[in-house]
C-alpha atoms as a PDB file:
ATOM      1  CA  MET A   1       0.000   0.000   0.000  1.00  0.00           C
ATOM      2  CA  GLN A   2       1.408   3.359  -1.053  1.00  0.00           C
ATOM      3  CA  ARG A   3       1.642   5.931   1.741  1.00  0.00           C
ATOM      4  CA  PRO A   4       2.671   9.603   1.566  1.00  0.00           C
ATOM      5  CA  TYR A   5       6.104  10.524   2.924  1.00  0.00           C
ATOM      6  CA  GLU A   6       8.445  13.467   2.853  1.00  0.00           C
ATOM      7  CA  VAL A   7      12.194  13.523   3.143  1.00  0.00           C
ATOM      8  CA  MET A   8      14.139  16.612   4.182  1.00  0.00           C
ATOM      9  CA  TYR A   9      17.858  16.496   3.699  1.00  0.00           C
ATOM     10  CA  ILE A  10      20.747  18.901   4.137  1.00  0.00           C
ATOM     11  CA  LEU A  11      23.532  19.119   1.572  1.00  0.00           C
ATOM     12  CA  ASP A  12      27.070  20.311   2.230  1.00  0.00           C
ATOM     13  CA  SER A  13      27.090  24.056   1.486  1.00  0.00           C
ATOM     14  CA  ARG A  14      30.523  23.748  -0.188  1.00  0.00           C
ATOM     15  CA  LEU A  15      29.098  21.658  -3.045  1.00  0.00           C
ATOM     16  CA  ASP A  16      28.964  23.253  -6.463  1.00  0.00           C
ATOM     17  CA  GLU A  17      25.746  23.217  -8.493  1.00  0.00           C
ATOM     18  CA  GLU A  18      26.761  20.042 -10.336  1.00  0.00           C
ATOM     19  CA  GLY A  19      27.396  18.212  -7.046  1.00  0.00           C
ATOM     20  CA  GLN A  20      23.998  19.282  -5.736  1.00  0.00           C
ATOM     21  CA  LYS A  21      22.249  18.046  -8.880  1.00  0.00           C
ATOM     22  CA  LYS A  22      24.102  14.729  -8.656  1.00  0.00           C
ATOM     23  CA  ILE A  23      22.887  14.085  -5.097  1.00  0.00           C
ATOM     24  CA  ASN A  24      19.309  15.215  -5.890  1.00  0.00           C
ATOM     25  CA  THR A  25      19.268  12.910  -8.907  1.00  0.00           C
ATOM     26  CA  ARG A  26      20.544  10.016  -6.794  1.00  0.00           C
ATOM     27  CA  VAL A  27      17.806  10.546  -4.189  1.00  0.00           C
ATOM     28  CA  ASN A  28      15.072  10.830  -6.851  1.00  0.00           C
ATOM     29  CA  GLU A  29      16.335   7.760  -8.735  1.00  0.00           C
ATOM     30  CA  THR A  30      16.415   5.746  -5.497  1.00  0.00           C
ATOM     31  CA  ILE A  31      12.808   6.702  -4.749  1.00  0.00           C
ATOM     32  CA  ALA A  32      11.806   5.595  -8.257  1.00  0.00           C
ATOM     33  CA  LYS A  33      13.838   2.374  -7.917  1.00  0.00           C
ATOM     34  CA  ILE A  34      11.992   1.359  -4.736  1.00  0.00           C
ATOM     35  CA  GLY A  35       8.668   1.844  -6.508  1.00  0.00           C
ATOM     36  CA  GLY A  36       7.909   5.300  -5.198  1.00  0.00           C
ATOM     37  CA  LYS A  37       6.261   8.201  -6.979  1.00  0.00           C
ATOM     38  CA  ILE A  38       7.651  11.713  -6.463  1.00  0.00           C
ATOM     39  CA  GLU A  39       4.977  14.381  -6.037  1.00  0.00           C
ATOM     40  CA  LYS A  40       7.271  17.409  -5.740  1.00  0.00           C
ATOM     41  CA  SER A  41      10.865  18.257  -4.951  1.00  0.00           C
ATOM     42  CA  GLU A  42      12.067  21.700  -3.960  1.00  0.00           C
ATOM     43  CA  SER A  43      15.075  23.546  -2.652  1.00  0.00           C
ATOM     44  CA  LEU A  44      14.514  25.527   0.532  1.00  0.00           C
ATOM     45  CA  GLY A  45      17.812  27.370   0.133  1.00  0.00           C
ATOM     46  CA  ARG A  46      20.850  27.873   2.326  1.00  0.00           C
ATOM     47  CA  LYS A  47      20.134  28.091   6.052  1.00  0.00           C
ATOM     48  CA  LYS A  48      22.231  28.375   9.174  1.00  0.00           C
ATOM     49  CA  LEU A  49      22.379  25.155  11.194  1.00  0.00           C
ATOM     50  CA  ALA A  50      21.377  25.179  14.862  1.00  0.00           C
ATOM     51  CA  TYR A  51      24.760  23.627  15.709  1.00  0.00           C
ATOM     52  CA  PRO A  52      27.821  22.709  13.642  1.00  0.00           C
ATOM     53  CA  ILE A  53      27.600  19.367  11.824  1.00  0.00           C
ATOM     54  CA  LYS A  54      30.809  17.951  10.339  1.00  0.00           C
ATOM     55  CA  LYS A  55      32.430  21.385  10.834  1.00  0.00           C
ATOM     56  CA  GLN A  56      29.660  23.048   8.795  1.00  0.00           C
ATOM     57  CA  ASN A  57      27.687  26.053  10.068  1.00  0.00           C
ATOM     58  CA  ASP A  58      25.182  26.199   7.209  1.00  0.00           C
ATOM     59  CA  GLY A  59      23.672  23.837   4.680  1.00  0.00           C
ATOM     60  CA  LEU A  60      21.448  23.600   1.619  1.00  0.00           C
ATOM     61  CA  TYR A  61      18.001  22.292   2.583  1.00  0.00           C
ATOM     62  CA  MET A  62      16.014  20.103   0.183  1.00  0.00           C
ATOM     63  CA  LEU A  63      12.447  18.779   0.588  1.00  0.00           C
ATOM     64  CA  THR A  64      10.855  15.975  -1.438  1.00  0.00           C
ATOM     65  CA  HIS A  65       7.275  14.697  -1.155  1.00  0.00           C
ATOM     66  CA  PHE A  66       6.712  11.159  -2.415  1.00  0.00           C
ATOM     67  CA  GLU A  67       4.584   8.037  -2.056  1.00  0.00           C
ATOM     68  CA  THR A  68       5.882   4.515  -1.504  1.00  0.00           C
ATOM     69  CA  ASP A  69       5.249   1.438   0.609  1.00  0.00           C
ATOM     70  CA  THR A  70       6.718   1.169   4.091  1.00  0.00           C
ATOM     71  CA  GLN A  71       8.988  -1.828   3.385  1.00  0.00           C
ATOM     72  CA  SER A  72      10.907   0.122   0.718  1.00  0.00           C
ATOM     73  CA  LEU A  73      12.082   2.899   3.052  1.00  0.00           C
ATOM     74  CA  ASP A  74      15.053   0.870   4.342  1.00  0.00           C
ATOM     75  CA  GLU A  75      16.773   1.067   0.950  1.00  0.00           C
ATOM     76  CA  LEU A  76      16.251   4.846   0.763  1.00  0.00           C
ATOM     77  CA  GLN A  77      17.657   5.225   4.301  1.00  0.00           C
ATOM     78  CA  ARG A  78      20.684   3.123   3.344  1.00  0.00           C
ATOM     79  CA  VAL A  79      21.458   5.076   0.180  1.00  0.00           C
ATOM     80  CA  MET A  80      21.077   8.434   1.888  1.00  0.00           C
ATOM     81  CA  GLY A  81      23.286   7.305   4.759  1.00  0.00           C
ATOM     82  CA  ILE A  82      26.220   6.482   2.463  1.00  0.00           C
ATOM     83  CA  THR A  83      25.929   9.459   0.089  1.00  0.00           C
ATOM     84  CA  ASP A  84      28.890  11.835   0.326  1.00  0.00           C
ATOM     85  CA  GLY A  85      27.870  15.489   0.555  1.00  0.00           C
ATOM     86  CA  LEU A  86      24.605  14.705   2.301  1.00  0.00           C
ATOM     87  CA  ILE A  87      24.968  15.911   5.902  1.00  0.00           C
ATOM     88  CA  ARG A  88      21.633  14.872   7.462  1.00  0.00           C
ATOM     89  CA  HIS A  89      18.272  13.469   6.386  1.00  0.00           C
ATOM     90  CA  LEU A  90      14.897  12.729   7.931  1.00  0.00           C
ATOM     91  CA  ILE A  91      12.028  10.743   6.413  1.00  0.00           C
ATOM     92  CA  VAL A  92       8.580  11.231   7.944  1.00  0.00           C
ATOM     93  CA  ARG A  93       5.125   9.989   7.008  1.00  0.00           C
ATOM     94  CA  ARG A  94       2.659  12.711   6.043  1.00  0.00           C
ATOM     95  CA  ASP A  95      -1.036  12.788   6.892  1.00  0.00           C
ATOM     96  CA  GLU A  96      -3.145  11.080   4.260  1.00  0.00           C
ATOM     97  CA  SER A  97      -5.751  13.857   4.258  1.00  0.00           C
END
């Protein structure tokens, strides 16, 4: 059963535009590979972090809304965890309303 999710992730602010596109493409391709359907993906811009992460004080925030089944999320978590240039990520289930 497909359920709505969103993933917010923070990219290293030192990445050039090509590096950012590469990571965004990898995330979107992984969602498609696990059988998910992307509803929208947007950049929220550069923001200051609440505390330094990996010696970074700011990061590039990305937000993607998608639908997939619950069993497929482990693969997305794995890929995002090993992607260089991706500082943090959080996947949450959205309300189905």
